């Protein structure tokens, strides 16, 4: 494999990992921004979900929430929201307990808790959390770029034990 192809592969992989890392950082920032949001009550107006089969012998139930809409009251005004979680990656939920809680609230039209941004009331979420994926991608990004910085400082890149770039 030529040196140009190897460097090209490194940078393409690096761009992909950088995208995942930036998305993870955005998720963490959104999570922390939601800490100052106000809790209010609302009700679910639409819930579209399906049971998700992984095709394995795993006995855990998984549900994919395709769409959700809810109404909530804030500052004497009625608002509509459709964001389930405070993160970008996997904003469609697959947690069985959350689904069952939302399904029960939808079927009985009971109140649910909604987190509302007091500065921008049109922004709301039902769950404020960070998934394992966010931490995994951020760790992968950190690992990749620390390796690239090390290679730049040492001015040496090896491929399968052979130096392809050295100072």
C-alpha atoms as a PDB file:
ATOM      1  CA  UNK A   1       0.000   0.000   0.000  1.00  0.00           C
ATOM      2  CA  UNK A   2       1.456   3.348  -0.959  1.00  0.00           C
ATOM      3  CA  UNK A   3       2.216   6.030   1.579  1.00  0.00           C
ATOM      4  CA  UNK A   4      -0.348   8.406   0.077  1.00  0.00           C
ATOM      5  CA  UNK A   5      -3.111   5.794   0.437  1.00  0.00           C
ATOM      6  CA  UNK A   6      -2.147   5.122   4.058  1.00  0.00           C
ATOM      7  CA  UNK A   7      -2.151   8.823   4.959  1.00  0.00           C
ATOM      8  CA  UNK A   8      -5.462   9.237   3.111  1.00  0.00           C
ATOM      9  CA  UNK A   9      -6.982   6.336   5.099  1.00  0.00           C
ATOM     10  CA  UNK A  10      -5.690   7.852   8.368  1.00  0.00           C
ATOM     11  CA  UNK A  11      -7.294  11.205   7.614  1.00  0.00           C
ATOM     12  CA  UNK A  12     -10.614   9.790   6.385  1.00  0.00           C
ATOM     13  CA  UNK A  13     -10.877   7.690   9.529  1.00  0.00           C
ATOM     14  CA  UNK A  14      -9.817  10.745  11.531  1.00  0.00           C
ATOM     15  CA  UNK A  15     -12.601  12.861   9.997  1.00  0.00           C
ATOM     16  CA  UNK A  16     -15.176  10.209  10.834  1.00  0.00           C
ATOM     17  CA  UNK A  17     -13.934   9.974  14.400  1.00  0.00           C
ATOM     18  CA  UNK A  18     -13.818  13.785  14.653  1.00  0.00           C
ATOM     19  CA  UNK A  19     -17.472  13.941  13.589  1.00  0.00           C
ATOM     20  CA  UNK A  20     -18.432  11.402  16.257  1.00  0.00           C
ATOM     21  CA  UNK A  21     -16.346  13.275  18.838  1.00  0.00           C
ATOM     22  CA  UNK A  22     -17.919  16.641  17.988  1.00  0.00           C
ATOM     23  CA  UNK A  23     -21.390  15.109  18.172  1.00  0.00           C
ATOM     24  CA  UNK A  24     -20.497  13.641  21.571  1.00  0.00           C
ATOM     25  CA  UNK A  25     -19.277  17.006  22.816  1.00  0.00           C
ATOM     26  CA  UNK A  26     -22.525  18.585  21.579  1.00  0.00           C
ATOM     27  CA  UNK A  27     -24.507  15.923  23.471  1.00  0.00           C
ATOM     28  CA  UNK A  28     -22.625  16.651  26.686  1.00  0.00           C
ATOM     29  CA  UNK A  29     -23.110  20.417  26.269  1.00  0.00           C
ATOM     30  CA  UNK A  30     -26.847  19.880  25.639  1.00  0.00           C
ATOM     31  CA  UNK A  31     -27.020  17.669  28.717  1.00  0.00           C
ATOM     32  CA  UNK A  32     -25.432  20.341  30.924  1.00  0.00           C
ATOM     33  CA  UNK A  33     -27.555  23.119  29.403  1.00  0.00           C
ATOM     34  CA  UNK A  34     -30.691  21.135  30.288  1.00  0.00           C
ATOM     35  CA  UNK A  35     -29.729  21.219  33.970  1.00  0.00           C
ATOM     36  CA  UNK A  36     -31.062  24.773  34.223  1.00  0.00           C
ATOM     37  CA  UNK A  37     -34.334  23.931  32.476  1.00  0.00           C
ATOM     38  CA  UNK A  38     -37.623  24.029  34.333  1.00  0.00           C
ATOM     39  CA  UNK A  39     -39.790  21.002  35.011  1.00  0.00           C
ATOM     40  CA  UNK A  40     -43.422  21.332  33.978  1.00  0.00           C
ATOM     41  CA  UNK A  41     -46.264  18.946  33.241  1.00  0.00           C
ATOM     42  CA  UNK A  42     -47.613  17.918  29.882  1.00  0.00           C
ATOM     43  CA  UNK A  43     -49.370  15.106  28.063  1.00  0.00           C
ATOM     44  CA  UNK A  44     -48.524  12.921  25.084  1.00  0.00           C
ATOM     45  CA  UNK A  45     -50.584  13.568  21.953  1.00  0.00           C
ATOM     46  CA  UNK A  46     -48.844  11.094  19.600  1.00  0.00           C
ATOM     47  CA  UNK A  47     -46.722   8.000  20.213  1.00  0.00           C
ATOM     48  CA  UNK A  48     -45.462   5.830  17.366  1.00  0.00           C
ATOM     49  CA  UNK A  49     -43.315   2.940  18.530  1.00  0.00           C
ATOM     50  CA  UNK A  50     -42.554  -0.627  17.583  1.00  0.00           C
ATOM     51  CA  UNK A  51     -41.017  -3.601  19.281  1.00  0.00           C
ATOM     52  CA  UNK A  52     -37.492  -4.023  17.981  1.00  0.00           C
ATOM     53  CA  UNK A  53     -36.148  -7.531  17.467  1.00  0.00           C
ATOM     54  CA  UNK A  54     -32.363  -7.817  17.346  1.00  0.00           C
ATOM     55  CA  UNK A  55     -32.605 -11.290  15.841  1.00  0.00           C
ATOM     56  CA  UNK A  56     -30.767 -12.796  18.798  1.00  0.00           C
ATOM     57  CA  UNK A  57     -31.798 -14.909  21.750  1.00  0.00           C
ATOM     58  CA  UNK A  58     -31.644 -11.833  23.955  1.00  0.00           C
ATOM     59  CA  UNK A  59     -34.746 -11.870  26.149  1.00  0.00           C
ATOM     60  CA  UNK A  60     -34.646  -8.139  26.935  1.00  0.00           C
ATOM     61  CA  UNK A  61     -37.401  -6.112  25.332  1.00  0.00           C
ATOM     62  CA  UNK A  62     -36.374  -3.264  23.064  1.00  0.00           C
ATOM     63  CA  UNK A  63     -38.672  -0.650  21.601  1.00  0.00           C
ATOM     64  CA  UNK A  64     -37.907   1.889  18.934  1.00  0.00           C
ATOM     65  CA  UNK A  65     -39.778   5.144  19.410  1.00  0.00           C
ATOM     66  CA  UNK A  66     -40.175   6.473  15.880  1.00  0.00           C
ATOM     67  CA  UNK A  67     -42.154   9.606  16.732  1.00  0.00           C
ATOM     68  CA  UNK A  68     -43.531  11.317  19.775  1.00  0.00           C
ATOM     69  CA  UNK A  69     -45.421  14.557  20.242  1.00  0.00           C
ATOM     70  CA  UNK A  70     -46.448  16.124  23.500  1.00  0.00           C
ATOM     71  CA  UNK A  71     -48.086  19.318  24.664  1.00  0.00           C
ATOM     72  CA  UNK A  72     -47.023  21.273  27.707  1.00  0.00           C
ATOM     73  CA  UNK A  73     -47.948  24.511  29.386  1.00  0.00           C
ATOM     74  CA  UNK A  74     -45.355  27.169  30.187  1.00  0.00           C
ATOM     75  CA  UNK A  75     -45.823  30.887  30.956  1.00  0.00           C
ATOM     76  CA  UNK A  76     -49.586  30.602  30.436  1.00  0.00           C
ATOM     77  CA  UNK A  77     -49.127  29.334  26.896  1.00  0.00           C
ATOM     78  CA  UNK A  78     -49.535  25.892  25.333  1.00  0.00           C
ATOM     79  CA  UNK A  79     -46.488  24.511  23.496  1.00  0.00           C
ATOM     80  CA  UNK A  80     -45.819  21.359  21.459  1.00  0.00           C
ATOM     81  CA  UNK A  81     -42.626  19.327  21.594  1.00  0.00           C
ATOM     82  CA  UNK A  82     -41.253  16.222  19.915  1.00  0.00           C
ATOM     83  CA  UNK A  83     -37.774  15.711  21.357  1.00  0.00           C
ATOM     84  CA  UNK A  84     -37.396  12.651  23.532  1.00  0.00           C
ATOM     85  CA  UNK A  85     -33.850  13.006  24.881  1.00  0.00           C
ATOM     86  CA  UNK A  86     -31.298  15.745  25.393  1.00  0.00           C
ATOM     87  CA  UNK A  87     -28.828  14.182  22.967  1.00  0.00           C
ATOM     88  CA  UNK A  88     -28.425  14.076  19.215  1.00  0.00           C
ATOM     89  CA  UNK A  89     -27.150  10.529  18.757  1.00  0.00           C
ATOM     90  CA  UNK A  90     -29.930   8.022  19.316  1.00  0.00           C
ATOM     91  CA  UNK A  91     -32.563  10.670  19.836  1.00  0.00           C
ATOM     92  CA  UNK A  92     -34.943   7.850  19.011  1.00  0.00           C
ATOM     93  CA  UNK A  93     -35.295   5.865  22.192  1.00  0.00           C
ATOM     94  CA  UNK A  94     -34.962   2.130  22.614  1.00  0.00           C
ATOM     95  CA  UNK A  95     -35.374   1.758  26.358  1.00  0.00           C
ATOM     96  CA  UNK A  96     -38.211  -0.594  27.272  1.00  0.00           C
ATOM     97  CA  UNK A  97     -38.939   0.992  30.669  1.00  0.00           C
ATOM     98  CA  UNK A  98     -39.202   4.465  29.181  1.00  0.00           C
ATOM     99  CA  UNK A  99     -41.437   3.166  26.433  1.00  0.00           C
ATOM    100  CA  UNK A 100     -43.761   1.450  28.890  1.00  0.00           C
ATOM    101  CA  UNK A 101     -43.925   4.626  30.993  1.00  0.00           C
ATOM    102  CA  UNK A 102     -44.729   6.754  27.935  1.00  0.00           C
ATOM    103  CA  UNK A 103     -47.222   4.220  26.574  1.00  0.00           C
ATOM    104  CA  UNK A 104     -49.079   4.113  29.898  1.00  0.00           C
ATOM    105  CA  UNK A 105     -49.203   7.916  30.036  1.00  0.00           C
ATOM    106  CA  UNK A 106     -50.417   8.054  26.425  1.00  0.00           C
ATOM    107  CA  UNK A 107     -53.123   5.423  26.907  1.00  0.00           C
ATOM    108  CA  UNK A 108     -54.485   6.959  30.109  1.00  0.00           C
ATOM    109  CA  UNK A 109     -53.763  10.591  29.124  1.00  0.00           C
ATOM    110  CA  UNK A 110     -52.015  11.172  32.455  1.00  0.00           C
ATOM    111  CA  UNK A 111     -49.512  13.943  32.965  1.00  0.00           C
ATOM    112  CA  UNK A 112     -45.843  13.523  32.140  1.00  0.00           C
ATOM    113  CA  UNK A 113     -42.850  15.581  33.223  1.00  0.00           C
ATOM    114  CA  UNK A 114     -41.367  17.862  30.575  1.00  0.00           C
ATOM    115  CA  UNK A 115     -38.098  19.800  30.867  1.00  0.00           C
ATOM    116  CA  UNK A 116     -38.508  23.248  29.291  1.00  0.00           C
ATOM    117  CA  UNK A 117     -35.873  25.845  28.452  1.00  0.00           C
ATOM    118  CA  UNK A 118     -37.127  28.968  30.272  1.00  0.00           C
ATOM    119  CA  UNK A 119     -35.300  31.276  27.830  1.00  0.00           C
ATOM    120  CA  UNK A 120     -36.692  29.479  24.771  1.00  0.00           C
ATOM    121  CA  UNK A 121     -39.918  27.687  25.795  1.00  0.00           C
ATOM    122  CA  UNK A 122     -40.233  26.033  22.379  1.00  0.00           C
ATOM    123  CA  UNK A 123     -37.265  23.837  23.389  1.00  0.00           C
ATOM    124  CA  UNK A 124     -38.258  20.878  25.552  1.00  0.00           C
ATOM    125  CA  UNK A 125     -37.232  17.285  26.236  1.00  0.00           C
ATOM    126  CA  UNK A 126     -38.742  14.418  28.187  1.00  0.00           C
ATOM    127  CA  UNK A 127     -35.506  12.804  29.364  1.00  0.00           C
ATOM    128  CA  UNK A 128     -32.180  14.433  30.147  1.00  0.00           C
ATOM    129  CA  UNK A 129     -29.486  11.813  29.877  1.00  0.00           C
ATOM    130  CA  UNK A 130     -26.281  10.815  28.153  1.00  0.00           C
ATOM    131  CA  UNK A 131     -25.981   7.361  26.628  1.00  0.00           C
ATOM    132  CA  UNK A 132     -22.990   5.049  26.778  1.00  0.00           C
ATOM    133  CA  UNK A 133     -22.440   5.701  23.053  1.00  0.00           C
ATOM    134  CA  UNK A 134     -21.655   9.340  23.730  1.00  0.00           C
ATOM    135  CA  UNK A 135     -18.914   8.460  26.196  1.00  0.00           C
ATOM    136  CA  UNK A 136     -17.596   5.718  23.890  1.00  0.00           C
ATOM    137  CA  UNK A 137     -17.320   8.037  20.860  1.00  0.00           C
ATOM    138  CA  UNK A 138     -15.710  10.768  22.935  1.00  0.00           C
ATOM    139  CA  UNK A 139     -13.157   8.277  24.282  1.00  0.00           C
ATOM    140  CA  UNK A 140     -12.462   6.959  20.778  1.00  0.00           C
ATOM    141  CA  UNK A 141     -11.986  10.501  19.483  1.00  0.00           C
ATOM    142  CA  UNK A 142      -9.628  11.373  22.341  1.00  0.00           C
ATOM    143  CA  UNK A 143      -7.617   8.194  21.783  1.00  0.00           C
ATOM    144  CA  UNK A 144      -7.350   8.772  18.017  1.00  0.00           C
ATOM    145  CA  UNK A 145      -6.305  12.390  18.195  1.00  0.00           C
ATOM    146  CA  UNK A 146      -3.842  11.854  21.023  1.00  0.00           C
ATOM    147  CA  UNK A 147      -2.220   9.200  18.803  1.00  0.00           C
ATOM    148  CA  UNK A 148      -2.130  11.609  15.866  1.00  0.00           C
ATOM    149  CA  UNK A 149      -0.623  14.368  18.027  1.00  0.00           C
ATOM    150  CA  UNK A 150       1.993  11.908  19.290  1.00  0.00           C
ATOM    151  CA  UNK A 151       2.823  10.941  15.681  1.00  0.00           C
ATOM    152  CA  UNK A 152       3.135  14.595  14.668  1.00  0.00           C
ATOM    153  CA  UNK A 153       5.371  15.423  17.639  1.00  0.00           C
ATOM    154  CA  UNK A 154       7.562  12.363  17.082  1.00  0.00           C
ATOM    155  CA  UNK A 155       7.324  12.861  13.297  1.00  0.00           C
ATOM    156  CA  UNK A 156       6.964   9.121  12.919  1.00  0.00           C
ATOM    157  CA  UNK A 157       4.083   6.950  11.706  1.00  0.00           C
ATOM    158  CA  UNK A 158       4.324   3.168  11.537  1.00  0.00           C
ATOM    159  CA  UNK A 159       2.150   0.721   9.657  1.00  0.00           C
ATOM    160  CA  UNK A 160       2.281  -2.891  10.817  1.00  0.00           C
ATOM    161  CA  UNK A 161       5.636  -2.318  12.497  1.00  0.00           C
ATOM    162  CA  UNK A 162       7.271  -0.580   9.484  1.00  0.00           C
ATOM    163  CA  UNK A 163       8.061   3.114   9.588  1.00  0.00           C
ATOM    164  CA  UNK A 164       6.321   4.855   6.720  1.00  0.00           C
ATOM    165  CA  UNK A 165       7.063   8.417   7.809  1.00  0.00           C
ATOM    166  CA  UNK A 166       9.976   9.324  10.006  1.00  0.00           C
ATOM    167  CA  UNK A 167      11.973  12.448  10.687  1.00  0.00           C
END
